[in-house]
Structures are given as C-alpha cells and as structure tokens.
Amino acid sequence: MSNGTPNTLTQLWLRNAAILLVELMLLAISVMAAFIPMDNYNTAVNLAIAVMMAIVGLLFFMGLLHEGVILRLAAATGFTWLIIMFILTFIDYFTRRS
C-alpha cells in the first residue's frame, strides 16, 4: 500500500467532510431565514438556498464537476424533465376550479 492509498482516503474523507459542512451551513441559513419576517420573500429565499444546496450536492458530492460531457448532459436532461413536470403540475393545479 505504498502507492498513496492512505493519502487518497484521507483526501476523500476531507472532501466529503467539507461538502457536509457546506450543506449544514446552508441548512442553518435556511432555518434562520425561515424565522426572519420577510413578507412574501421567505419562499423565494428558501428556494434559492435549496437550489444552492442541490448544486453543491450535484457538482461536488456526485462528482459532476469532474465527469464527462455525456454524464453532465444526462443530468441536465433529467432536471429539465423535472422542471417540465413541475410546470405541468402547477398549470393543472392553478387552472382547476374549486
């Protein structure tokens, strides 16, 4: 095991710990923002924080930052369809009569 495996494991643990700390900081900011009265902007602020958390998870934890173009394209396509499904769901919800 003199090929640098312990160093690689240490780097892996440190990278994942740093990602976890960033995610926990964003979670704490989200919790604090939920208790600050911002009228109608609470939802927008918390959604922006959630998007940042998702980006950190996708790029760093899932490793899309250093992957090839095909994998990035597949992830972008999946999220595009997710957005389309949300749009269709909200259109259906807001156009129904009560």
PDB file of N, CA and C in Angstrom:
ATOM      1  N   MET A   1       0.819  -1.190   0.000  1.00  0.00           N
ATOM      2  CA  MET A   1       0.000   0.000   0.000  1.00  0.00           C
ATOM      3  C   MET A   1       0.858   1.246   0.000  1.00  0.00           C
ATOM      4  N   SER A   2       1.964   1.164  -0.610  1.00  0.00           N
ATOM      5  CA  SER A   2       2.821   2.343  -0.673  1.00  0.00           C
ATOM      6  C   SER A   2       2.520   3.198  -1.900  1.00  0.00           C
ATOM      7  N   ASN A   3       1.400   2.901  -2.595  1.00  0.00           N
ATOM      8  CA  ASN A   3       1.076   3.654  -3.800  1.00  0.00           C
ATOM      9  C   ASN A   3       0.247   4.897  -3.500  1.00  0.00           C
ATOM     10  N   GLY A   4       0.124   5.277  -2.250  1.00  0.00           N
ATOM     11  CA  GLY A   4      -0.575   6.515  -1.921  1.00  0.00           C
ATOM     12  C   GLY A   4      -2.033   6.315  -1.557  1.00  0.00           C
ATOM     13  N   THR A   5      -2.455   5.102  -1.271  1.00  0.00           N
ATOM     14  CA  THR A   5      -3.849   4.846  -0.947  1.00  0.00           C
ATOM     15  C   THR A   5      -4.290   5.526   0.346  1.00  0.00           C
ATOM     16  N   PRO A   6      -3.524   5.497   1.438  1.00  0.00           N
ATOM     17  CA  PRO A   6      -3.978   6.202   2.644  1.00  0.00           C
ATOM     18  C   PRO A   6      -4.148   7.705   2.412  1.00  0.00           C
ATOM     19  N   ASN A   7      -3.278   8.298   1.618  1.00  0.00           N
ATOM     20  CA  ASN A   7      -3.393   9.717   1.324  1.00  0.00           C
ATOM     21  C   ASN A   7      -4.673   9.985   0.529  1.00  0.00           C
ATOM     22  N   THR A   8      -4.995   9.099  -0.400  1.00  0.00           N
ATOM     23  CA  THR A   8      -6.205   9.247  -1.200  1.00  0.00           C
ATOM     24  C   THR A   8      -7.443   9.111  -0.325  1.00  0.00           C
ATOM     25  N   LEU A   9      -7.437   8.164   0.610  1.00  0.00           N
ATOM     26  CA  LEU A   9      -8.570   8.007   1.520  1.00  0.00           C
ATOM     27  C   LEU A   9      -8.732   9.233   2.413  1.00  0.00           C
ATOM     28  N   THR A  10      -7.634   9.779   2.871  1.00  0.00           N
ATOM     29  CA  THR A  10      -7.697  10.983   3.697  1.00  0.00           C
ATOM     30  C   THR A  10      -8.267  12.147   2.898  1.00  0.00           C
ATOM     31  N   GLN A  11      -7.833  12.297   1.662  1.00  0.00           N
ATOM     32  CA  GLN A  11      -8.368  13.368   0.818  1.00  0.00           C
ATOM     33  C   GLN A  11      -9.855  13.172   0.554  1.00  0.00           C
ATOM     34  N   LEU A  12     -10.272  11.930   0.361  1.00  0.00           N
ATOM     35  CA  LEU A  12     -11.682  11.639   0.128  1.00  0.00           C
ATOM     36  C   LEU A  12     -12.520  12.004   1.346  1.00  0.00           C
ATOM     37  N   TRP A  13     -12.053  11.632   2.529  1.00  0.00           N
ATOM     38  CA  TRP A  13     -12.781  11.961   3.757  1.00  0.00           C
ATOM     39  C   TRP A  13     -12.822  13.465   3.986  1.00  0.00           C
ATOM     40  N   LEU A  14     -11.723  14.140   3.731  1.00  0.00           N
ATOM     41  CA  LEU A  14     -11.706  15.595   3.914  1.00  0.00           C
ATOM     42  C   LEU A  14     -12.621  16.297   2.924  1.00  0.00           C
ATOM     43  N   ARG A  15     -12.651  15.820   1.692  1.00  0.00           N
ATOM     44  CA  ARG A  15     -13.541  16.413   0.687  1.00  0.00           C
ATOM     45  C   ARG A  15     -15.000  16.230   1.079  1.00  0.00           C
ATOM     46  N   ASN A  16     -15.360  15.018   1.487  1.00  0.00           N
ATOM     47  CA  ASN A  16     -16.743  14.762   1.890  1.00  0.00           C
ATOM     48  C   ASN A  16     -17.113  15.523   3.159  1.00  0.00           C
ATOM     49  N   ALA A  17     -16.175  15.678   4.078  1.00  0.00           N
ATOM     50  CA  ALA A  17     -16.446  16.452   5.295  1.00  0.00           C
ATOM     51  C   ALA A  17     -16.664  17.927   4.955  1.00  0.00           C
ATOM     52  N   ALA A  18     -15.892  18.443   4.013  1.00  0.00           N
ATOM     53  CA  ALA A  18     -16.067  19.844   3.604  1.00  0.00           C
ATOM     54  C   ALA A  18     -17.423  20.033   2.925  1.00  0.00           C
ATOM     55  N   ILE A  19     -17.817  19.085   2.088  1.00  0.00           N
ATOM     56  CA  ILE A  19     -19.126  19.167   1.437  1.00  0.00           C
ATOM     57  C   ILE A  19     -20.234  19.116   2.483  1.00  0.00           C
ATOM     58  N   LEU A  20     -20.096  18.230   3.456  1.00  0.00           N
ATOM     59  CA  LEU A  20     -21.087  18.131   4.525  1.00  0.00           C
ATOM     60  C   LEU A  20     -21.176  19.435   5.315  1.00  0.00           C
ATOM     61  N   LEU A  21     -20.048  20.045   5.609  1.00  0.00           N
ATOM     62  CA  LEU A  21     -20.072  21.317   6.344  1.00  0.00           C
ATOM     63  C   LEU A  21     -20.756  22.417   5.546  1.00  0.00           C
ATOM     64  N   VAL A  22     -20.505  22.476   4.248  1.00  0.00           N
ATOM     65  CA  VAL A  22     -21.176  23.473   3.406  1.00  0.00           C
ATOM     66  C   VAL A  22     -22.677  23.229   3.401  1.00  0.00           C
ATOM     67  N   GLU A  23     -23.091  21.965   3.264  1.00  0.00           N
ATOM     68  CA  GLU A  23     -24.514  21.644   3.275  1.00  0.00           C
ATOM     69  C   GLU A  23     -25.149  21.998   4.622  1.00  0.00           C
ATOM     70  N   LEU A  24     -24.460  21.721   5.712  1.00  0.00           N
ATOM     71  CA  LEU A  24     -25.002  22.054   7.033  1.00  0.00           C
ATOM     72  C   LEU A  24     -25.070  23.564   7.259  1.00  0.00           C
ATOM     73  N   MET A  25     -24.101  24.306   6.719  1.00  0.00           N
ATOM     74  CA  MET A  25     -24.167  25.769   6.821  1.00  0.00           C
ATOM     75  C   MET A  25     -25.353  26.309   6.030  1.00  0.00           C
ATOM     76  N   LEU A  26     -25.576  25.775   4.841  1.00  0.00           N
ATOM     77  CA  LEU A  26     -26.731  26.202   4.058  1.00  0.00           C
ATOM     78  C   LEU A  26     -28.040  25.821   4.750  1.00  0.00           C
ATOM     79  N   LEU A  27     -28.061  24.675   5.422  1.00  0.00           N
ATOM     80  CA  LEU A  27     -29.240  24.278   6.187  1.00  0.00           C
ATOM     81  C   LEU A  27     -29.489  25.243   7.337  1.00  0.00           C
ATOM     82  N   ALA A  28     -28.438  25.636   8.040  1.00  0.00           N
ATOM     83  CA  ALA A  28     -28.589  26.594   9.140  1.00  0.00           C
ATOM     84  C   ALA A  28     -29.072  27.953   8.625  1.00  0.00           C
ATOM     85  N   ILE A  29     -28.557  28.378   7.490  1.00  0.00           N
ATOM     86  CA  ILE A  29     -29.013  29.642   6.894  1.00  0.00           C
ATOM     87  C   ILE A  29     -30.485  29.536   6.513  1.00  0.00           C
ATOM     88  N   SER A  30     -30.886  28.389   5.999  1.00  0.00           N
ATOM     89  CA  SER A  30     -32.279  28.188   5.624  1.00  0.00           C
ATOM     90  C   SER A  30     -33.197  28.227   6.840  1.00  0.00           C
ATOM     91  N   VAL A  31     -32.776  27.610   7.931  1.00  0.00           N
ATOM     92  CA  VAL A  31     -33.575  27.632   9.154  1.00  0.00           C
ATOM     93  C   VAL A  31     -33.665  29.046   9.710  1.00  0.00           C
ATOM     94  N   MET A  32     -32.547  29.773   9.704  1.00  0.00           N
ATOM     95  CA  MET A  32     -32.583  31.158  10.181  1.00  0.00           C
ATOM     96  C   MET A  32     -33.467  32.027   9.295  1.00  0.00           C
ATOM     97  N   ALA A  33     -33.401  31.815   7.991  1.00  0.00           N
ATOM     98  CA  ALA A  33     -34.211  32.619   7.066  1.00  0.00           C
ATOM     99  C   ALA A  33     -35.696  32.332   7.239  1.00  0.00           C
ATOM    100  N   ALA A  34     -36.034  31.135   7.705  1.00  0.00           N
ATOM    101  CA  ALA A  34     -37.442  30.802   7.893  1.00  0.00           C
ATOM    102  C   ALA A  34     -38.054  31.596   9.043  1.00  0.00           C
ATOM    103  N   PHE A  35     -37.249  32.001   9.997  1.00  0.00           N
ATOM    104  CA  PHE A  35     -37.760  32.728  11.152  1.00  0.00           C
ATOM    105  C   PHE A  35     -37.633  34.239  11.027  1.00  0.00           C
ATOM    106  N   ILE A  36     -37.008  34.718   9.975  1.00  0.00           N
ATOM    107  CA  ILE A  36     -36.899  36.165   9.739  1.00  0.00           C
ATOM    108  C   ILE A  36     -38.117  36.601   8.936  1.00  0.00           C
ATOM    109  N   PRO A  37     -38.883  37.575   9.445  1.00  0.00           N
ATOM    110  CA  PRO A  37     -40.062  38.008   8.680  1.00  0.00           C
ATOM    111  C   PRO A  37     -39.664  38.830   7.457  1.00  0.00           C
ATOM    112  N   MET A  38     -39.882  38.264   6.269  1.00  0.00           N
ATOM    113  CA  MET A  38     -39.549  38.947   5.016  1.00  0.00           C
ATOM    114  C   MET A  38     -40.761  39.074   4.117  1.00  0.00           C
ATOM    115  N   ASP A  39     -41.945  39.107   4.703  1.00  0.00           N
ATOM    116  CA  ASP A  39     -43.205  39.191   3.963  1.00  0.00           C
ATOM    117  C   ASP A  39     -43.311  38.044   2.961  1.00  0.00           C
ATOM    118  N   ASN A  40     -43.394  38.362   1.694  1.00  0.00           N
ATOM    119  CA  ASN A  40     -43.586  37.336   0.667  1.00  0.00           C
ATOM    120  C   ASN A  40     -42.280  36.775   0.119  1.00  0.00           C
ATOM    121  N   TYR A  41     -41.160  37.211   0.631  1.00  0.00           N
ATOM    122  CA  TYR A  41     -39.866  36.788   0.081  1.00  0.00           C
ATOM    123  C   TYR A  41     -39.295  35.547   0.764  1.00  0.00           C
ATOM    124  N   ASN A  42     -39.930  35.063   1.827  1.00  0.00           N
ATOM    125  CA  ASN A  42     -39.415  33.878   2.518  1.00  0.00           C
ATOM    126  C   ASN A  42     -39.326  32.674   1.588  1.00  0.00           C
ATOM    127  N   THR A  43     -40.361  32.468   0.799  1.00  0.00           N
ATOM    128  CA  THR A  43     -40.364  31.320  -0.106  1.00  0.00           C
ATOM    129  C   THR A  43     -39.263  31.429  -1.147  1.00  0.00           C
ATOM    130  N   ALA A  44     -39.104  32.603  -1.718  1.00  0.00           N
ATOM    131  CA  ALA A  44     -38.073  32.790  -2.741  1.00  0.00           C
ATOM    132  C   ALA A  44     -36.670  32.594  -2.160  1.00  0.00           C
ATOM    133  N   VAL A  45     -36.435  33.123  -0.977  1.00  0.00           N
ATOM    134  CA  VAL A  45     -35.122  32.981  -0.345  1.00  0.00           C
ATOM    135  C   VAL A  45     -34.834  31.522  -0.022  1.00  0.00           C
ATOM    136  N   ASN A  46     -35.815  30.821   0.535  1.00  0.00           N
ATOM    137  CA  ASN A  46     -35.589  29.416   0.882  1.00  0.00           C
ATOM    138  C   ASN A  46     -35.453  28.541  -0.364  1.00  0.00           C
ATOM    139  N   LEU A  47     -36.160  28.860  -1.431  1.00  0.00           N
ATOM    140  CA  LEU A  47     -35.969  28.117  -2.668  1.00  0.00           C
ATOM    141  C   LEU A  47     -34.582  28.368  -3.265  1.00  0.00           C
ATOM    142  N   ALA A  48     -34.097  29.587  -3.173  1.00  0.00           N
ATOM    143  CA  ALA A  48     -32.745  29.893  -3.652  1.00  0.00           C
ATOM    144  C   ALA A  48     -31.700  29.118  -2.851  1.00  0.00           C
ATOM    145  N   ILE A  49     -31.888  29.037  -1.545  1.00  0.00           N
ATOM    146  CA  ILE A  49     -30.964  28.266  -0.713  1.00  0.00           C
ATOM    147  C   ILE A  49     -31.041  26.782  -1.066  1.00  0.00           C
ATOM    148  N   ALA A  50     -32.246  26.273  -1.328  1.00  0.00           N
ATOM    149  CA  ALA A  50     -32.401  24.865  -1.710  1.00  0.00           C
ATOM    150  C   ALA A  50     -31.717  24.577  -3.042  1.00  0.00           C
ATOM    151  N   VAL A  51     -31.791  25.528  -3.979  1.00  0.00           N
ATOM    152  CA  VAL A  51     -31.111  25.354  -5.263  1.00  0.00           C
ATOM    153  C   VAL A  51     -29.595  25.316  -5.058  1.00  0.00           C
ATOM    154  N   MET A  52     -29.093  26.189  -4.192  1.00  0.00           N
ATOM    155  CA  MET A  52     -27.652  26.162  -3.902  1.00  0.00           C
ATOM    156  C   MET A  52     -27.243  24.833  -3.284  1.00  0.00           C
ATOM    157  N   MET A  53     -28.071  24.295  -2.380  1.00  0.00           N
ATOM    158  CA  MET A  53     -27.763  23.003  -1.772  1.00  0.00           C
ATOM    159  C   MET A  53     -27.758  21.891  -2.825  1.00  0.00           C
ATOM    160  N   ALA A  54     -28.703  21.946  -3.753  1.00  0.00           N
ATOM    161  CA  ALA A  54     -28.750  20.937  -4.805  1.00  0.00           C
ATOM    162  C   ALA A  54     -27.535  21.036  -5.721  1.00  0.00           C
ATOM    163  N   ILE A  55     -27.127  22.256  -6.038  1.00  0.00           N
ATOM    164  CA  ILE A  55     -25.953  22.441  -6.898  1.00  0.00           C
ATOM    165  C   ILE A  55     -24.693  21.911  -6.225  1.00  0.00           C
ATOM    166  N   VAL A  56     -24.535  22.196  -4.943  1.00  0.00           N
ATOM    167  CA  VAL A  56     -23.373  21.676  -4.207  1.00  0.00           C
ATOM    168  C   VAL A  56     -23.399  20.148  -4.205  1.00  0.00           C
ATOM    169  N   GLY A  57     -24.574  19.575  -3.970  1.00  0.00           N
ATOM    170  CA  GLY A  57     -24.682  18.117  -3.963  1.00  0.00           C
ATOM    171  C   GLY A  57     -24.383  17.504  -5.317  1.00  0.00           C
ATOM    172  N   LEU A  58     -24.878  18.127  -6.372  1.00  0.00           N
ATOM    173  CA  LEU A  58     -24.658  17.578  -7.711  1.00  0.00           C
ATOM    174  C   LEU A  58     -23.218  17.729  -8.178  1.00  0.00           C
ATOM    175  N   LEU A  59     -22.687  18.919  -8.045  1.00  0.00           N
ATOM    176  CA  LEU A  59     -21.358  19.177  -8.595  1.00  0.00           C
ATOM    177  C   LEU A  59     -20.249  18.503  -7.806  1.00  0.00           C
ATOM    178  N   PHE A  60     -20.327  18.572  -6.486  1.00  0.00           N
ATOM    179  CA  PHE A  60     -19.200  18.099  -5.682  1.00  0.00           C
ATOM    180  C   PHE A  60     -19.428  16.704  -5.116  1.00  0.00           C
ATOM    181  N   PHE A  61     -20.590  16.463  -4.490  1.00  0.00           N
ATOM    182  CA  PHE A  61     -20.804  15.154  -3.875  1.00  0.00           C
ATOM    183  C   PHE A  61     -20.988  14.066  -4.918  1.00  0.00           C
ATOM    184  N   MET A  62     -21.776  14.348  -5.964  1.00  0.00           N
ATOM    185  CA  MET A  62     -21.974  13.357  -7.007  1.00  0.00           C
ATOM    186  C   MET A  62     -20.845  13.370  -8.030  1.00  0.00           C
ATOM    187  N   GLY A  63     -19.988  14.365  -7.981  1.00  0.00           N
ATOM    188  CA  GLY A  63     -18.813  14.385  -8.840  1.00  0.00           C
ATOM    189  C   GLY A  63     -19.055  14.838 -10.264  1.00  0.00           C
ATOM    190  N   LEU A  64     -20.137  15.560 -10.522  1.00  0.00           N
ATOM    191  CA  LEU A  64     -20.399  16.004 -11.885  1.00  0.00           C
ATOM    192  C   LEU A  64     -19.416  17.070 -12.350  1.00  0.00           C
ATOM    193  N   LEU A  65     -18.716  17.689 -11.443  1.00  0.00           N
ATOM    194  CA  LEU A  65     -17.767  18.731 -11.804  1.00  0.00           C
ATOM    195  C   LEU A  65     -16.602  18.164 -12.613  1.00  0.00           C
ATOM    196  N   HIS A  66     -16.213  16.938 -12.309  1.00  0.00           N
ATOM    197  CA  HIS A  66     -15.054  16.339 -12.973  1.00  0.00           C
ATOM    198  C   HIS A  66     -15.427  15.197 -13.914  1.00  0.00           C
ATOM    199  N   GLU A  67     -16.707  15.040 -14.218  1.00  0.00           N
ATOM    200  CA  GLU A  67     -17.145  13.963 -15.101  1.00  0.00           C
ATOM    201  C   GLU A  67     -17.185  14.437 -16.549  1.00  0.00           C
ATOM    202  N   GLY A  68     -17.479  13.515 -17.411  1.00  0.00           N
ATOM    203  CA  GLY A  68     -17.509  13.810 -18.841  1.00  0.00           C
ATOM    204  C   GLY A  68     -18.783  14.533 -19.259  1.00  0.00           C
ATOM    205  N   VAL A  69     -18.796  14.910 -20.523  1.00  0.00           N
ATOM    206  CA  VAL A  69     -19.903  15.694 -21.066  1.00  0.00           C
ATOM    207  C   VAL A  69     -21.186  14.878 -21.115  1.00  0.00           C
ATOM    208  N   ILE A  70     -21.092  13.602 -21.415  1.00  0.00           N
ATOM    209  CA  ILE A  70     -22.285  12.759 -21.547  1.00  0.00           C
ATOM    210  C   ILE A  70     -23.023  12.668 -20.212  1.00  0.00           C
ATOM    211  N   LEU A  71     -22.300  12.478 -19.133  1.00  0.00           N
ATOM    212  CA  LEU A  71     -22.938  12.372 -17.820  1.00  0.00           C
ATOM    213  C   LEU A  71     -23.558  13.706 -17.408  1.00  0.00           C
ATOM    214  N   ARG A  72     -22.881  14.799 -17.689  1.00  0.00           N
ATOM    215  CA  ARG A  72     -23.449  16.124 -17.400  1.00  0.00           C
ATOM    216  C   ARG A  72     -24.700  16.358 -18.223  1.00  0.00           C
ATOM    217  N   LEU A  73     -24.674  15.952 -19.480  1.00  0.00           N
ATOM    218  CA  LEU A  73     -25.835  16.112 -20.344  1.00  0.00           C
ATOM    219  C   LEU A  73     -27.007  15.269 -19.849  1.00  0.00           C
ATOM    220  N   ALA A  74     -26.738  14.070 -19.385  1.00  0.00           N
ATOM    221  CA  ALA A  74     -27.799  13.212 -18.849  1.00  0.00           C
ATOM    222  C   ALA A  74     -28.410  13.829 -17.593  1.00  0.00           C
ATOM    223  N   ALA A  75     -27.576  14.381 -16.717  1.00  0.00           N
ATOM    224  CA  ALA A  75     -28.090  15.034 -15.509  1.00  0.00           C
ATOM    225  C   ALA A  75     -28.904  16.273 -15.863  1.00  0.00           C
ATOM    226  N   ALA A  76     -28.428  17.064 -16.805  1.00  0.00           N
ATOM    227  CA  ALA A  76     -29.165  18.268 -17.219  1.00  0.00           C
ATOM    228  C   ALA A  76     -30.490  17.897 -17.865  1.00  0.00           C
ATOM    229  N   THR A  77     -30.518  16.831 -18.638  1.00  0.00           N
ATOM    230  CA  THR A  77     -31.755  16.379 -19.263  1.00  0.00           C
ATOM    231  C   THR A  77     -32.762  15.920 -18.208  1.00  0.00           C
ATOM    232  N   GLY A  78     -32.287  15.200 -17.226  1.00  0.00           N
ATOM    233  CA  GLY A  78     -33.164  14.762 -16.142  1.00  0.00           C
ATOM    234  C   GLY A  78     -33.773  15.934 -15.389  1.00  0.00           C
ATOM    235  N   PHE A  79     -32.978  16.930 -15.103  1.00  0.00           N
ATOM    236  CA  PHE A  79     -33.510  18.089 -14.383  1.00  0.00           C
ATOM    237  C   PHE A  79     -34.394  18.949 -15.266  1.00  0.00           C
ATOM    238  N   THR A  80     -34.139  18.959 -16.552  1.00  0.00           N
ATOM    239  CA  THR A  80     -35.043  19.669 -17.465  1.00  0.00           C
ATOM    240  C   THR A  80     -36.417  19.017 -17.457  1.00  0.00           C
ATOM    241  N   TRP A  81     -36.462  17.694 -17.500  1.00  0.00           N
ATOM    242  CA  TRP A  81     -37.748  16.999 -17.436  1.00  0.00           C
ATOM    243  C   TRP A  81     -38.410  17.207 -16.084  1.00  0.00           C
ATOM    244  N   LEU A  82     -37.638  17.262 -15.024  1.00  0.00           N
ATOM    245  CA  LEU A  82     -38.215  17.530 -13.708  1.00  0.00           C
ATOM    246  C   LEU A  82     -38.881  18.897 -13.679  1.00  0.00           C
ATOM    247  N   ILE A  83     -38.227  19.889 -14.256  1.00  0.00           N
ATOM    248  CA  ILE A  83     -38.800  21.242 -14.314  1.00  0.00           C
ATOM    249  C   ILE A  83     -40.069  21.248 -15.169  1.00  0.00           C
ATOM    250  N   ILE A  84     -40.045  20.534 -16.291  1.00  0.00           N
ATOM    251  CA  ILE A  84     -41.233  20.455 -17.142  1.00  0.00           C
ATOM    252  C   ILE A  84     -42.387  19.814 -16.378  1.00  0.00           C
ATOM    253  N   MET A  85     -42.119  18.772 -15.620  1.00  0.00           N
ATOM    254  CA  MET A  85     -43.177  18.119 -14.844  1.00  0.00           C
ATOM    255  C   MET A  85     -43.732  19.036 -13.768  1.00  0.00           C
ATOM    256  N   PHE A  86     -42.867  19.805 -13.118  1.00  0.00           N
ATOM    257  CA  PHE A  86     -43.351  20.769 -12.131  1.00  0.00           C
ATOM    258  C   PHE A  86     -44.227  21.823 -12.797  1.00  0.00           C
ATOM    259  N   ILE A  87     -43.811  22.314 -13.952  1.00  0.00           N
ATOM    260  CA  ILE A  87     -44.596  23.326 -14.661  1.00  0.00           C
ATOM    261  C   ILE A  87     -45.965  22.773 -15.042  1.00  0.00           C
ATOM    262  N   LEU A  88     -46.006  21.569 -15.569  1.00  0.00           N
ATOM    263  CA  LEU A  88     -47.284  20.972 -15.937  1.00  0.00           C
ATOM    264  C   LEU A  88     -48.173  20.732 -14.717  1.00  0.00           C
ATOM    265  N   THR A  89     -47.570  20.325 -13.610  1.00  0.00           N
ATOM    266  CA  THR A  89     -48.344  20.124 -12.390  1.00  0.00           C
ATOM    267  C   THR A  89     -48.939  21.433 -11.894  1.00  0.00           C
ATOM    268  N   PHE A  90     -48.142  22.500 -11.884  1.00  0.00           N
ATOM    269  CA  PHE A  90     -48.649  23.786 -11.409  1.00  0.00           C
ATOM    270  C   PHE A  90     -49.689  24.361 -12.365  1.00  0.00           C
ATOM    271  N   ILE A  91     -49.534  24.159 -13.660  1.00  0.00           N
ATOM    272  CA  ILE A  91     -50.548  24.616 -14.615  1.00  0.00           C
ATOM    273  C   ILE A  91     -51.871  23.901 -14.345  1.00  0.00           C
ATOM    274  N   ASP A  92     -51.794  22.595 -14.120  1.00  0.00           N
ATOM    275  CA  ASP A  92     -53.005  21.833 -13.830  1.00  0.00           C
ATOM    276  C   ASP A  92     -53.637  22.298 -12.516  1.00  0.00           C
ATOM    277  N   TYR A  93     -52.827  22.523 -11.522  1.00  0.00           N
ATOM    278  CA  TYR A  93     -53.328  22.919 -10.204  1.00  0.00           C
ATOM    279  C   TYR A  93     -53.989  24.302 -10.265  1.00  0.00           C
ATOM    280  N   PHE A  94     -53.351  25.249 -10.928  1.00  0.00           N
ATOM    281  CA  PHE A  94     -53.866  26.621 -10.937  1.00  0.00           C
ATOM    282  C   PHE A  94     -55.037  26.829 -11.910  1.00  0.00           C
ATOM    283  N   THR A  95     -55.242  25.917 -12.854  1.00  0.00           N
ATOM    284  CA  THR A  95     -56.351  26.080 -13.776  1.00  0.00           C
ATOM    285  C   THR A  95     -57.596  25.325 -13.360  1.00  0.00           C
ATOM    286  N   ARG A  96     -57.551  24.528 -12.318  1.00  0.00           N
ATOM    287  CA  ARG A  96     -58.743  23.816 -11.850  1.00  0.00           C
ATOM    288  C   ARG A  96     -59.646  24.747 -11.075  1.00  0.00           C
ATOM    289  N   ARG A  97     -60.899  24.521 -11.211  1.00  0.00           N
ATOM    290  CA  ARG A  97     -61.869  25.318 -10.459  1.00  0.00           C
ATOM    291  C   ARG A  97     -62.148  24.610  -9.137  1.00  0.00           C
ATOM    292  N   SER A  98     -62.369  25.401  -8.121  1.00  0.00           N
ATOM    293  CA  SER A  98     -62.610  24.789  -6.803  1.00  0.00           C
ATOM    294  C   SER A  98     -64.061  24.513  -6.532  1.00  0.00           C
TER     295      SER A  98
END
